[in-house]
Structures are given as C-alpha cells and as structure tokens.
Amino acid sequence: MSRIFLLAWLLVCLSACAEVEAPSVVDDARATAFVDVNVVPMDSERVLEGQTVIVRDGRIDALGASGEIGVPAGAERIEGSGRYLMPGLAEMHGHLPSPNMPQQVTEDVLFLYVANGVTTVRGMQGNPSQLELRERIEAGELIGPMLVLGSPSMAGDRVETVEDARRLVKEYEEAGFDLLKVHEGLSAEVYAAIAETAGELNIPFGGHVTDHVGLLEALEAGQTTIDHLDNFIQALVPEERMPDEPPGLRGVGKVLDLVDESRMDRVVQATRDADGSVVPTMVLWESGIFATRPSAELLEERSEVRYLPPDMVARWVEAVDESMAGEDLETHRRIAELRRRILLALHRGGVRILLGTDSPQIFSVPGFSIHREMALYVDVGMTPYEVLRSGTRVVGEYLGRDIGSVEVGKRADLILLEANPLEDVANVAKRAGVMVAGRYLPEPEIEERLAAIASRHAAAGGTQ
C-alpha cells in the first residue's frame, strides 16, 4: 500500500514539475511570428531570404532560417512568403500637435506617421504637453511612433539674454526633453551660452543656424544637426562678399549671385570634421518655402492632404499662392537646384544624412512626406540602400537607440512590404502591415482607419 501511495505521490510531483517547465499559453500569446519572410536587416545591403522572425514583448526575440526557428504555440502567425521585412523609418524633423488641437486630430497625426511605416519621430516644435503624449504612447494607450522630443523653440525673440539661455536650457533638461531646438535670431552671445550650458548638462542641440553665428561656427560649437540645410548657401559666400545685414532664412535668394561653389569642399569637410548631421527637408523647401508650383497643382498631386483638417490645408494653399505671387520663381528654382548640389556633395563627402521632412508643414503630410523625400534623395544621386539607411540604421546610431535594424534584441518597429525596397524606395509604400513596439497593424486595418480619418475631414469641408 505504501509503495502504491509513493508511486502516486511521485506521479503528482512529476506532473507538477512538467506544468512549471512547459511554456505557458499566456507567454506564447504575446508572441508574433513573421514566417518565411525575406529580411532586409539594414546592417549591409543584403536580403536574408526565407527567415522566421519572432517578436515578444515589443522586441525581436529570435531570427533565423525558417527551418531552424520554430513558431511558438499560440503565437500570432504572419505569412511572409514573397514579402520583405525591414526596420521602421524615422522622421527626424517632425512636428507634433499642439495642446489646443482636438484630441482626435492628435491621434490622427500620430497614426498617419505609423500608417506609413514611420515608427520614430524627432519632434522639433516642442511643448510640455508632448511629454505626457510620449508617456501615453509608451504605455500603449495611443498608437504612435517612438517620440524623441525637442524643447520649445529657442529663438531670438524669446531667448534674449545669456541669463535666459542658461535658465531655459536647465529647465528643458530637467523637464525631460531629449534635445534643445535652436532657431533663428539668436545673438552670438546667447547662442554661446546655450551651447556651453548644453555641454555641461550633456543635452544635444540642433535645428536652425542663427545668422549671427553662421554654419561653421555652429558646427564648431557642437550643434549636432543642421536642419533644412540652413545656412549652407550662406557658407558658400566668401566672408568679404557677405552683406552686413544677414539675409535670413527666406532671404537667401539675395546672396545667390555671391555664391562661390569652389568653397563646397571646405564646407563639406568642416561638417564631417565636426561630426555634424544634416536633416535636409528638401521637398518642403521646393514645394512650400520656395514654391515653384501653384497650390492647385500640389493639391492635385498630393491627395494625402485629405487626411488633415481642411483649415490647415487652406493655410498651406494661401502660403504657396502668396509665395508664388510675391517672389521671383526663377530664384526659387535656382535655390532648389543649389540645395540639391549641396546635398549630393554632403552625401559624397561622407556627412551623416538623417531622413526628415518637417511634417506637417506646407503640403508635407505626416508619413506620406517621407516617401516623397526618399524619392528626391534618389533623384539627387543616392542609392535606395543609402536612402533607407538615412532613415533607419543611421538614425539608431545617431540617437543611441536600439532601433533601425532587424536584429535580435532590437525594438520591434518593422514594416512588412510586398516588394523589395532595395530595388526601389517606392516599394516602401507597398505595405502589407506595420509593427510599432511589437503591435502589428495589418494593411486592411490601416486602410480602414485612414478612410475614417478622410471621411471626418471631408464632412468638415475637406476633400475625400
């Protein structure tokens, strides 16, 4: 009897141990498996064919040949045969909704980024409300990209003294902003105070280049990004020929005839030596700031404006029409052509290019503008791989974040595509789905929500 009892007790113990060691259904249910997919890892210009990628808890948990990687029981299975899996893209000069915008518009803008495979946004129009927005996204309350937050703009009209500069740098760093956004109009003394205090607190600063400092001095001071190619044209003008009164951001056409392009190599080398990065925002400058085409043409071409509030689009139309009426269009074309030559020289010179579009801004719709920007980079002379790197791996390395490549341990920000993006950057728009922080959105769900956004704006007086 005792022997039977002992045997029964052992069987109970073995059963209990087996239950403890077996993978739990809950754990497996948290996993997602991309099966038999072609991976574009972005560690080099290559495709890994026939791979299985396992995602768990927002991270890439396993990656390998489909015959070697098993799919966990209970995992969400996504068929990848004939498809391509690449890392999500970054918008390195984006604008996030202000706190006075309706909550629905805020959620829509965040979704527009994600819907287009933009899974990281570096916000460059800071507001304290965005700190809470970042927390809500990280907590899973909202669908949105990972936010890298720039401070409220530090421009000359609101940062007038050295004391203001030091106080605000400390205030923004303590608040939790990731970088300082510098803008136009800062005096040389105030800019120096920003740079010095930022260095003491180890917080980066980037954005515009104030004319009172200039490009080369800004690079020497440690400005990490030069956005919009700001002040590069001025840097091509010999010092003795530069007017006493700086032309400003929109007055750069006044110095075009003073440009000496033989200075290009010097400017490129200075940018590289300073380890400076460039966020070009090319399309915006060509279609908005220095418009060369009427708003009616842009409206017809960019049907994606239907995803934004009609009053916002109306302001864009007005801005383009005013620019077209009040400026020399030939000067605008010359500015665009020179900016393209500058970008190509920077790229060939080994300067770090970071993908960015300044969206939402004049006819640059969040997420959609990334595809237009990438196409322009190819037109300038970059290969599809080089363009994709500027929005993936290079961004991860620049930010020091675990994003930008398809590797075990990296954040699961991914785009599933129907065609190879290394052959044509236009293939990035041929989505089968997007994953952000491990949450997968299949294309039908994306399209359904985009349609709902367009319908809301059409009802408010927009187009559909």
Protein backbone atom coordinates (compact mmCIF):
# COMPACT_ATOMS: atom_id res chain seq x y z
CA MET A 1 0.00 0.00 0.00
CA SER A 2 2.82 2.35 0.91
CA ARG A 3 4.54 1.55 -2.37
CA ILE A 4 1.39 2.45 -4.34
CA PHE A 5 1.00 5.65 -2.35
CA LEU A 6 4.64 6.57 -3.03
CA LEU A 7 4.23 5.93 -6.75
CA ALA A 8 1.12 8.12 -6.86
CA TRP A 9 2.91 10.90 -5.00
CA LEU A 10 5.82 10.77 -7.47
CA LEU A 11 3.44 10.98 -10.41
CA VAL A 12 1.80 14.08 -8.91
CA CYS A 13 5.22 15.70 -8.39
CA LEU A 14 6.37 14.89 -11.93
CA SER A 15 3.14 16.29 -13.33
CA ALA A 16 3.56 19.50 -11.34
CA CYS A 17 7.16 19.89 -12.50
CA ALA A 18 6.13 19.37 -16.11
CA GLU A 19 3.49 22.08 -15.74
CA VAL A 20 6.07 24.52 -14.38
CA GLU A 21 8.61 23.85 -17.14
CA ALA A 22 6.20 23.89 -20.09
CA PRO A 23 5.81 27.23 -21.92
CA SER A 24 2.69 28.99 -20.75
CA VAL A 25 -0.12 29.80 -23.15
CA VAL A 26 -0.06 33.43 -22.00
CA ASP A 27 3.61 33.84 -22.93
CA ASP A 28 3.04 32.30 -26.37
CA ALA A 29 0.02 34.51 -26.97
CA ARG A 30 2.26 37.55 -26.58
CA ALA A 31 4.49 36.37 -29.44
CA THR A 32 4.21 37.29 -33.11
CA ALA A 33 5.95 35.30 -35.84
CA PHE A 34 6.79 36.54 -39.32
CA VAL A 35 7.19 33.23 -41.15
CA ASP A 36 9.26 32.54 -44.29
CA VAL A 37 9.88 36.23 -44.88
CA ASN A 38 12.73 37.98 -46.71
CA VAL A 39 14.51 40.17 -44.15
CA VAL A 40 16.18 43.46 -45.10
CA PRO A 41 18.27 43.83 -41.92
CA MET A 42 19.95 47.14 -42.90
CA ASP A 43 23.29 46.06 -41.42
CA SER A 44 24.51 45.96 -45.02
CA GLU A 45 22.98 46.00 -48.48
CA ARG A 46 21.58 42.48 -48.42
CA VAL A 47 18.43 40.39 -48.14
CA LEU A 48 18.15 37.33 -45.90
CA GLU A 49 15.72 35.01 -47.65
CA GLY A 50 13.33 32.54 -46.03
CA GLN A 51 13.60 33.79 -42.46
CA THR A 52 11.35 33.50 -39.43
CA VAL A 53 11.33 36.46 -37.04
CA ILE A 54 9.83 36.05 -33.57
CA VAL A 55 8.69 39.14 -31.68
CA ARG A 56 7.84 39.08 -28.00
CA ASP A 57 7.20 41.92 -25.54
CA GLY A 58 8.00 44.58 -28.11
CA ARG A 59 11.42 43.17 -29.01
CA ILE A 60 12.84 40.93 -31.70
CA ASP A 61 13.28 37.70 -29.76
CA ALA A 62 14.63 35.36 -32.46
CA LEU A 63 15.64 35.48 -36.11
CA GLY A 64 16.88 32.71 -38.37
CA ALA A 65 16.20 30.41 -41.26
CA SER A 66 12.61 29.17 -41.23
CA GLY A 67 13.76 25.55 -40.95
CA GLU A 68 15.71 26.37 -37.81
CA ILE A 69 13.33 28.68 -35.92
CA GLY A 70 10.13 27.21 -34.52
CA VAL A 71 6.92 29.19 -34.21
CA PRO A 72 5.71 29.22 -30.58
CA ALA A 73 2.34 27.65 -29.96
CA GLY A 74 -0.33 30.32 -29.69
CA ALA A 75 1.74 32.99 -31.42
CA GLU A 76 0.17 35.31 -33.98
CA ARG A 77 1.42 33.98 -37.30
CA ILE A 78 2.04 36.38 -40.20
CA GLU A 79 2.83 34.79 -43.53
CA GLY A 80 5.85 36.37 -45.15
CA SER A 81 6.39 34.32 -48.30
CA GLY A 82 7.32 36.68 -51.12
CA ARG A 83 7.33 39.64 -48.75
CA TYR A 84 10.09 41.78 -47.26
CA LEU A 85 10.57 42.82 -43.64
CA MET A 86 12.56 45.97 -42.93
CA PRO A 87 13.01 48.26 -39.92
CA GLY A 88 10.62 51.13 -39.39
CA LEU A 89 11.60 54.58 -40.67
CA ALA A 90 12.32 57.77 -38.75
CA GLU A 91 11.07 61.32 -39.31
CA MET A 92 13.95 63.36 -37.90
CA HIS A 93 12.25 66.73 -38.17
CA GLY A 94 8.59 66.28 -37.35
CA HIS A 95 6.03 68.48 -35.69
CA LEU A 96 3.62 67.12 -33.12
CA PRO A 97 0.14 68.52 -32.47
CA SER A 98 -0.15 71.44 -30.08
CA PRO A 99 -2.23 71.01 -26.90
CA ASN A 100 -5.01 73.25 -28.24
CA MET A 101 -5.74 70.83 -31.08
CA PRO A 102 -8.62 68.37 -30.64
CA GLN A 103 -7.63 65.00 -29.21
CA GLN A 104 -8.90 63.26 -32.35
CA VAL A 105 -6.55 65.31 -34.56
CA THR A 106 -3.63 64.46 -32.29
CA GLU A 107 -4.41 60.76 -32.53
CA ASP A 108 -4.85 61.01 -36.29
CA VAL A 109 -1.47 62.70 -36.83
CA LEU A 110 0.29 60.06 -34.76
CA PHE A 111 -1.45 57.34 -36.74
CA LEU A 112 -0.53 58.91 -40.10
CA TYR A 113 3.13 58.50 -39.19
CA VAL A 114 2.73 54.86 -38.16
CA ALA A 115 0.49 54.02 -41.12
CA ASN A 116 3.36 54.96 -43.41
CA GLY A 117 5.94 52.93 -41.52
CA VAL A 118 7.35 55.92 -39.62
CA THR A 119 7.94 54.44 -36.18
CA THR A 120 10.24 57.12 -34.75
CA VAL A 121 9.61 60.87 -34.80
CA ARG A 122 12.04 63.51 -33.57
CA GLY A 123 9.71 66.32 -32.58
CA MET A 124 11.16 69.74 -33.40
CA GLN A 125 8.36 72.03 -32.23
CA GLY A 126 8.39 71.25 -28.54
CA ASN A 127 5.66 71.75 -26.00
CA PRO A 128 5.39 70.44 -22.41
CA SER A 129 2.20 68.58 -23.38
CA GLN A 130 4.29 66.29 -25.57
CA LEU A 131 5.99 64.79 -22.53
CA GLU A 132 2.65 63.33 -21.46
CA LEU A 133 1.94 62.28 -25.04
CA ARG A 134 5.20 60.33 -25.08
CA GLU A 135 4.23 58.58 -21.83
CA ARG A 136 0.82 57.62 -23.19
CA ILE A 137 2.35 56.10 -26.31
CA GLU A 138 4.93 54.20 -24.27
CA ALA A 139 2.16 52.89 -22.01
CA GLY A 140 0.23 51.60 -25.05
CA GLU A 141 -2.70 53.98 -24.57
CA LEU A 142 -2.19 55.51 -28.03
CA ILE A 143 -0.90 54.14 -31.31
CA GLY A 144 2.05 56.29 -32.19
CA PRO A 145 5.74 56.37 -33.06
CA MET A 146 8.52 56.47 -30.50
CA LEU A 147 8.96 60.17 -29.73
CA VAL A 148 12.29 61.91 -29.39
CA LEU A 149 11.31 65.33 -28.08
CA GLY A 150 12.93 68.63 -28.85
CA SER A 151 12.39 71.53 -26.49
CA PRO A 152 10.21 74.57 -27.20
CA SER A 153 11.94 76.68 -29.82
CA MET A 154 14.88 78.70 -28.55
CA ALA A 155 14.63 81.67 -30.92
CA GLY A 156 15.93 85.19 -30.64
CA ASP A 157 12.55 86.74 -29.94
CA ARG A 158 12.10 84.70 -26.74
CA VAL A 159 15.66 83.99 -25.61
CA GLU A 160 17.17 87.46 -25.48
CA THR A 161 19.80 87.28 -22.75
CA VAL A 162 22.55 84.95 -21.60
CA GLU A 163 20.62 84.50 -18.35
CA ASP A 164 17.51 83.46 -20.29
CA ALA A 165 19.56 80.95 -22.25
CA ARG A 166 21.11 79.27 -19.21
CA ARG A 167 17.82 79.17 -17.34
CA LEU A 168 15.86 77.65 -20.22
CA VAL A 169 18.49 75.02 -21.05
CA LYS A 170 18.39 73.81 -17.45
CA GLU A 171 14.60 73.99 -17.34
CA TYR A 172 14.17 71.95 -20.54
CA GLU A 173 16.72 69.35 -19.49
CA GLU A 174 15.05 68.89 -16.10
CA ALA A 175 11.61 68.64 -17.75
CA GLY A 176 12.75 65.63 -19.76
CA PHE A 177 13.21 66.93 -23.29
CA ASP A 178 15.70 64.91 -25.33
CA LEU A 179 17.31 67.85 -27.11
CA LEU A 180 17.23 71.61 -27.44
CA LYS A 181 15.65 73.12 -30.55
CA VAL A 182 17.64 76.20 -31.64
CA HIS A 183 16.11 78.67 -34.07
CA GLU A 184 16.72 81.92 -35.90
CA GLY A 185 17.55 85.29 -34.39
CA LEU A 186 19.79 84.21 -31.50
CA SER A 187 22.66 86.58 -30.80
CA ALA A 188 26.18 85.16 -30.79
CA GLU A 189 26.42 85.61 -27.01
CA VAL A 190 23.11 83.90 -26.29
CA TYR A 191 23.91 81.05 -28.68
CA ALA A 192 27.27 80.53 -26.97
CA ALA A 193 25.51 80.35 -23.60
CA ILE A 194 23.12 77.72 -24.94
CA ALA A 195 25.99 75.65 -26.32
CA GLU A 196 28.05 75.91 -23.14
CA THR A 197 25.18 75.04 -20.79
CA ALA A 198 24.04 72.21 -23.05
CA GLY A 199 27.56 70.78 -22.90
CA GLU A 200 27.58 70.96 -19.12
CA LEU A 201 24.26 69.09 -18.93
CA ASN A 202 25.08 66.69 -21.77
CA ILE A 203 21.96 67.52 -23.78
CA PRO A 204 22.29 67.87 -27.57
CA PHE A 205 21.07 70.90 -29.51
CA GLY A 206 20.12 71.20 -33.15
CA GLY A 207 17.80 72.75 -35.68
CA HIS A 208 18.31 76.08 -37.44
CA VAL A 209 21.53 78.07 -37.69
CA THR A 210 21.24 81.62 -36.48
CA ASP A 211 22.72 84.11 -38.97
CA HIS A 212 24.56 85.88 -36.14
CA VAL A 213 26.69 82.75 -35.71
CA GLY A 214 26.86 81.06 -39.10
CA LEU A 215 27.25 77.44 -40.14
CA LEU A 216 30.94 76.87 -39.48
CA GLU A 217 30.82 78.44 -36.03
CA ALA A 218 27.67 76.46 -35.14
CA LEU A 219 29.40 73.21 -36.10
CA GLU A 220 32.44 74.18 -34.06
CA ALA A 221 30.18 74.94 -31.07
CA GLY A 222 28.83 71.38 -31.18
CA GLN A 223 25.44 71.79 -32.86
CA THR A 224 24.63 68.17 -33.68
CA THR A 225 22.13 68.64 -36.50
CA ILE A 226 21.75 71.29 -39.15
CA ASP A 227 18.15 71.08 -40.30
CA HIS A 228 16.78 72.29 -43.67
CA LEU A 229 20.40 72.75 -44.93
CA ASP A 230 20.08 76.05 -43.07
CA ASN A 231 22.96 78.47 -43.71
CA PHE A 232 24.79 76.16 -46.12
CA ILE A 233 24.17 78.57 -49.00
CA GLN A 234 25.47 81.48 -46.92
CA ALA A 235 28.58 79.44 -46.08
CA LEU A 236 29.37 79.29 -49.80
CA VAL A 237 29.58 83.08 -49.93
CA PRO A 238 33.09 84.49 -49.24
CA GLU A 239 33.15 86.43 -45.98
CA GLU A 240 34.21 89.66 -47.65
CA ARG A 241 31.22 89.49 -50.01
CA MET A 242 28.54 88.75 -47.43
CA PRO A 243 26.18 91.74 -46.84
CA ASP A 244 26.36 93.44 -43.45
CA GLU A 245 22.72 92.57 -42.87
CA PRO A 246 22.23 88.75 -42.91
CA PRO A 247 19.66 87.63 -45.50
CA GLY A 248 17.74 85.43 -43.07
CA LEU A 249 16.06 82.10 -43.75
CA ARG A 250 13.74 83.31 -46.51
CA GLY A 251 16.07 85.95 -47.98
CA VAL A 252 18.75 83.57 -49.14
CA GLY A 253 17.94 84.36 -52.77
CA LYS A 254 19.61 87.75 -52.23
CA VAL A 255 23.04 86.13 -51.96
CA LEU A 256 22.75 83.56 -54.76
CA ASP A 257 24.88 85.66 -57.13
CA LEU A 258 27.57 85.88 -54.45
CA VAL A 259 27.95 82.12 -54.04
CA ASP A 260 31.34 80.57 -54.82
CA GLU A 261 30.83 76.82 -55.23
CA SER A 262 34.56 76.21 -55.09
CA ARG A 263 34.06 76.57 -51.33
CA MET A 264 31.84 73.48 -51.30
CA ASP A 265 34.62 71.02 -50.40
CA ARG A 266 35.69 73.17 -47.47
CA VAL A 267 32.15 73.37 -46.11
CA VAL A 268 31.57 69.63 -46.53
CA GLN A 269 34.86 68.80 -44.81
CA ALA A 270 34.07 71.14 -41.91
CA THR A 271 30.70 69.43 -41.43
CA ARG A 272 32.29 66.00 -41.45
CA ASP A 273 35.16 67.01 -39.15
CA ALA A 274 32.63 68.32 -36.63
CA ASP A 275 30.67 65.04 -36.85
CA GLY A 276 27.71 67.17 -37.83
CA SER A 277 24.49 65.69 -39.18
CA VAL A 278 22.13 67.11 -41.76
CA VAL A 279 18.33 66.81 -41.86
CA PRO A 280 17.65 68.15 -45.37
CA THR A 281 13.80 68.54 -45.59
CA MET A 282 14.21 69.01 -49.34
CA VAL A 283 10.66 68.52 -50.63
CA LEU A 284 9.17 71.10 -48.28
CA TRP A 285 11.62 73.76 -49.43
CA GLU A 286 10.86 73.07 -53.08
CA SER A 287 7.08 72.95 -52.78
CA GLY A 288 6.45 75.28 -49.87
CA ILE A 289 9.10 77.68 -48.56
CA PHE A 290 10.42 78.47 -52.04
CA ALA A 291 7.46 77.27 -54.08
CA THR A 292 7.91 76.76 -57.80
CA ARG A 293 4.45 75.30 -58.49
CA PRO A 294 0.96 76.66 -57.81
CA SER A 295 -1.17 75.28 -54.99
CA ALA A 296 -3.71 73.85 -57.44
CA GLU A 297 -1.04 71.58 -58.88
CA LEU A 298 0.11 70.50 -55.43
CA LEU A 299 -3.46 69.80 -54.33
CA GLU A 300 -3.98 67.54 -57.32
CA GLU A 301 -0.70 65.72 -56.82
CA ARG A 302 -0.89 65.28 -53.05
CA SER A 303 -4.20 63.63 -52.42
CA GLU A 304 -2.95 62.74 -48.93
CA VAL A 305 -3.98 66.22 -47.75
CA ARG A 306 -7.43 64.67 -47.25
CA TYR A 307 -6.10 63.21 -44.01
CA LEU A 308 -5.59 66.63 -42.41
CA PRO A 309 -8.02 69.33 -41.21
CA PRO A 310 -9.36 71.48 -44.08
CA ASP A 311 -8.42 74.74 -42.34
CA MET A 312 -4.78 73.58 -42.13
CA VAL A 313 -4.72 72.76 -45.83
CA ALA A 314 -6.34 76.12 -46.62
CA ARG A 315 -3.48 77.89 -44.83
CA TRP A 316 -1.00 75.92 -46.92
CA VAL A 317 -2.76 76.95 -50.12
CA GLU A 318 -2.61 80.59 -49.06
CA ALA A 319 1.10 80.34 -48.17
CA VAL A 320 2.01 78.84 -51.55
CA ASP A 321 -0.07 81.32 -53.51
CA GLU A 322 1.50 84.25 -51.65
CA SER A 323 4.97 82.87 -52.28
CA MET A 324 4.25 82.39 -55.98
CA ALA A 325 2.84 85.92 -56.31
CA GLY A 326 5.50 87.76 -54.36
CA GLU A 327 8.75 86.13 -55.37
CA ASP A 328 10.93 85.54 -58.40
CA LEU A 329 10.18 81.94 -59.44
CA GLU A 330 13.48 81.66 -61.27
CA THR A 331 15.25 82.47 -58.00
CA HIS A 332 13.25 79.74 -56.29
CA ARG A 333 14.36 77.24 -58.95
CA ARG A 334 17.99 78.27 -58.57
CA ILE A 335 17.74 77.82 -54.79
CA ALA A 336 16.27 74.33 -55.27
CA GLU A 337 18.99 73.32 -57.73
CA LEU A 338 21.77 74.62 -55.46
CA ARG A 339 20.33 72.85 -52.44
CA ARG A 340 20.35 69.59 -54.41
CA ARG A 341 24.01 70.08 -55.32
CA ILE A 342 24.81 70.77 -51.66
CA LEU A 343 23.02 67.62 -50.52
CA LEU A 344 24.84 65.47 -53.07
CA ALA A 345 28.19 66.98 -52.06
CA LEU A 346 27.47 66.29 -48.38
CA HIS A 347 26.47 62.71 -49.16
CA ARG A 348 29.54 62.06 -51.31
CA GLY A 349 31.70 63.69 -48.65
CA GLY A 350 30.57 61.20 -46.01
CA VAL A 351 28.41 63.57 -43.95
CA ARG A 352 25.66 61.86 -41.95
CA ILE A 353 22.29 62.39 -43.64
CA LEU A 354 19.19 61.91 -41.47
CA LEU A 355 15.81 61.48 -43.15
CA GLY A 356 13.40 64.28 -42.28
CA THR A 357 10.63 66.32 -43.90
CA ASP A 358 9.37 68.99 -41.44
CA SER A 359 5.87 67.49 -41.45
CA PRO A 360 3.13 68.53 -41.01
CA GLN A 361 4.10 71.64 -42.88
CA ILE A 362 3.18 73.17 -46.24
CA PHE A 363 1.88 70.22 -48.29
CA SER A 364 4.04 67.78 -46.30
CA VAL A 365 1.59 65.33 -44.72
CA PRO A 366 2.92 63.21 -41.82
CA GLY A 367 4.25 59.87 -43.00
CA PHE A 368 3.35 60.42 -46.65
CA SER A 369 6.01 63.13 -46.94
CA ILE A 370 8.71 60.58 -46.07
CA HIS A 371 8.05 58.71 -49.33
CA ARG A 372 8.34 61.92 -51.35
CA GLU A 373 11.57 62.87 -49.56
CA MET A 374 13.14 59.46 -50.20
CA ALA A 375 12.29 59.67 -53.91
CA LEU A 376 14.00 63.07 -54.12
CA TYR A 377 17.17 61.69 -52.47
CA VAL A 378 17.31 59.05 -55.20
CA ASP A 379 16.85 61.76 -57.84
CA VAL A 380 19.78 63.64 -56.30
CA GLY A 381 22.06 60.61 -56.63
CA MET A 382 21.72 58.38 -53.57
CA THR A 383 21.04 54.66 -53.98
CA PRO A 384 17.90 53.12 -52.47
CA TYR A 385 20.02 51.44 -49.79
CA GLU A 386 21.72 54.72 -48.88
CA VAL A 387 18.36 56.46 -48.66
CA LEU A 388 16.88 53.74 -46.46
CA ARG A 389 19.94 53.83 -44.17
CA SER A 390 19.37 57.56 -43.63
CA GLY A 391 16.00 56.74 -42.10
CA THR A 392 16.86 53.52 -40.25
CA ARG A 393 20.28 52.31 -39.10
CA VAL A 394 21.98 55.71 -39.24
CA VAL A 395 19.21 57.19 -37.08
CA GLY A 396 19.58 54.41 -34.50
CA GLU A 397 23.32 55.02 -34.31
CA TYR A 398 22.91 58.79 -34.11
CA LEU A 399 20.29 58.65 -31.36
CA GLY A 400 21.94 55.78 -29.49
CA ARG A 401 18.62 53.92 -29.51
CA ASP A 402 18.02 50.21 -30.21
CA ILE A 403 16.18 50.89 -33.47
CA GLY A 404 16.98 50.97 -37.16
CA SER A 405 17.82 47.35 -37.95
CA VAL A 406 16.25 43.91 -37.85
CA GLU A 407 18.33 42.19 -35.17
CA VAL A 408 17.66 40.14 -32.06
CA GLY A 409 17.17 42.42 -29.08
CA LYS A 410 16.17 45.45 -31.14
CA ARG A 411 12.84 47.19 -30.68
CA ALA A 412 10.20 45.58 -32.89
CA ASP A 413 9.48 48.55 -35.19
CA LEU A 414 9.04 46.88 -38.57
CA ILE A 415 7.44 47.30 -41.99
CA LEU A 416 6.21 44.28 -43.95
CA LEU A 417 6.32 45.02 -47.69
CA GLU A 418 5.07 43.35 -50.84
CA ALA A 419 8.23 44.21 -52.82
CA ASN A 420 11.96 44.70 -52.24
CA PRO A 421 12.74 48.26 -51.04
CA LEU A 422 16.41 47.90 -52.05
CA GLU A 423 15.31 47.79 -55.67
CA ASP A 424 13.09 50.88 -55.47
CA VAL A 425 12.29 53.13 -52.49
CA ALA A 426 8.75 53.41 -53.88
CA ASN A 427 8.27 49.84 -52.71
CA VAL A 428 8.23 51.10 -49.10
CA ALA A 429 4.71 52.34 -49.83
CA LYS A 430 3.62 48.81 -50.86
CA ARG A 431 2.79 47.78 -47.32
CA ALA A 432 1.37 44.53 -46.06
CA GLY A 433 1.48 45.81 -42.48
CA VAL A 434 3.37 47.84 -39.89
CA MET A 435 4.57 46.85 -36.44
CA VAL A 436 5.29 49.52 -33.83
CA ALA A 437 6.76 48.49 -30.47
CA GLY A 438 5.59 44.93 -31.12
CA ARG A 439 2.00 45.84 -32.05
CA TYR A 440 1.11 44.65 -35.54
CA LEU A 441 -1.27 46.59 -37.79
CA PRO A 442 -2.22 44.68 -40.96
CA GLU A 443 -2.82 46.73 -44.10
CA PRO A 444 -6.63 46.29 -44.12
CA GLU A 445 -6.78 47.78 -40.62
CA ILE A 446 -4.53 50.66 -41.67
CA GLU A 447 -6.65 51.40 -44.73
CA GLU A 448 -9.87 51.27 -42.72
CA ARG A 449 -8.61 53.81 -40.23
CA LEU A 450 -7.20 56.07 -42.97
CA ALA A 451 -10.59 56.03 -44.65
CA ALA A 452 -12.26 57.04 -41.38
CA ILE A 453 -9.85 59.97 -41.00
CA ALA A 454 -10.53 61.14 -44.54
CA SER A 455 -14.29 60.88 -44.04
CA ARG A 456 -14.18 63.02 -40.89
CA HIS A 457 -12.29 65.78 -42.71
CA ALA A 458 -14.50 65.54 -45.79
CA ALA A 459 -17.50 66.10 -43.55
CA ALA A 460 -15.77 69.19 -42.18
CA GLY A 461 -15.32 70.65 -45.64
CA GLY A 462 -12.22 68.93 -46.99
CA THR A 463 -11.72 66.55 -49.90
CA GLN A 464 -12.02 62.78 -49.95
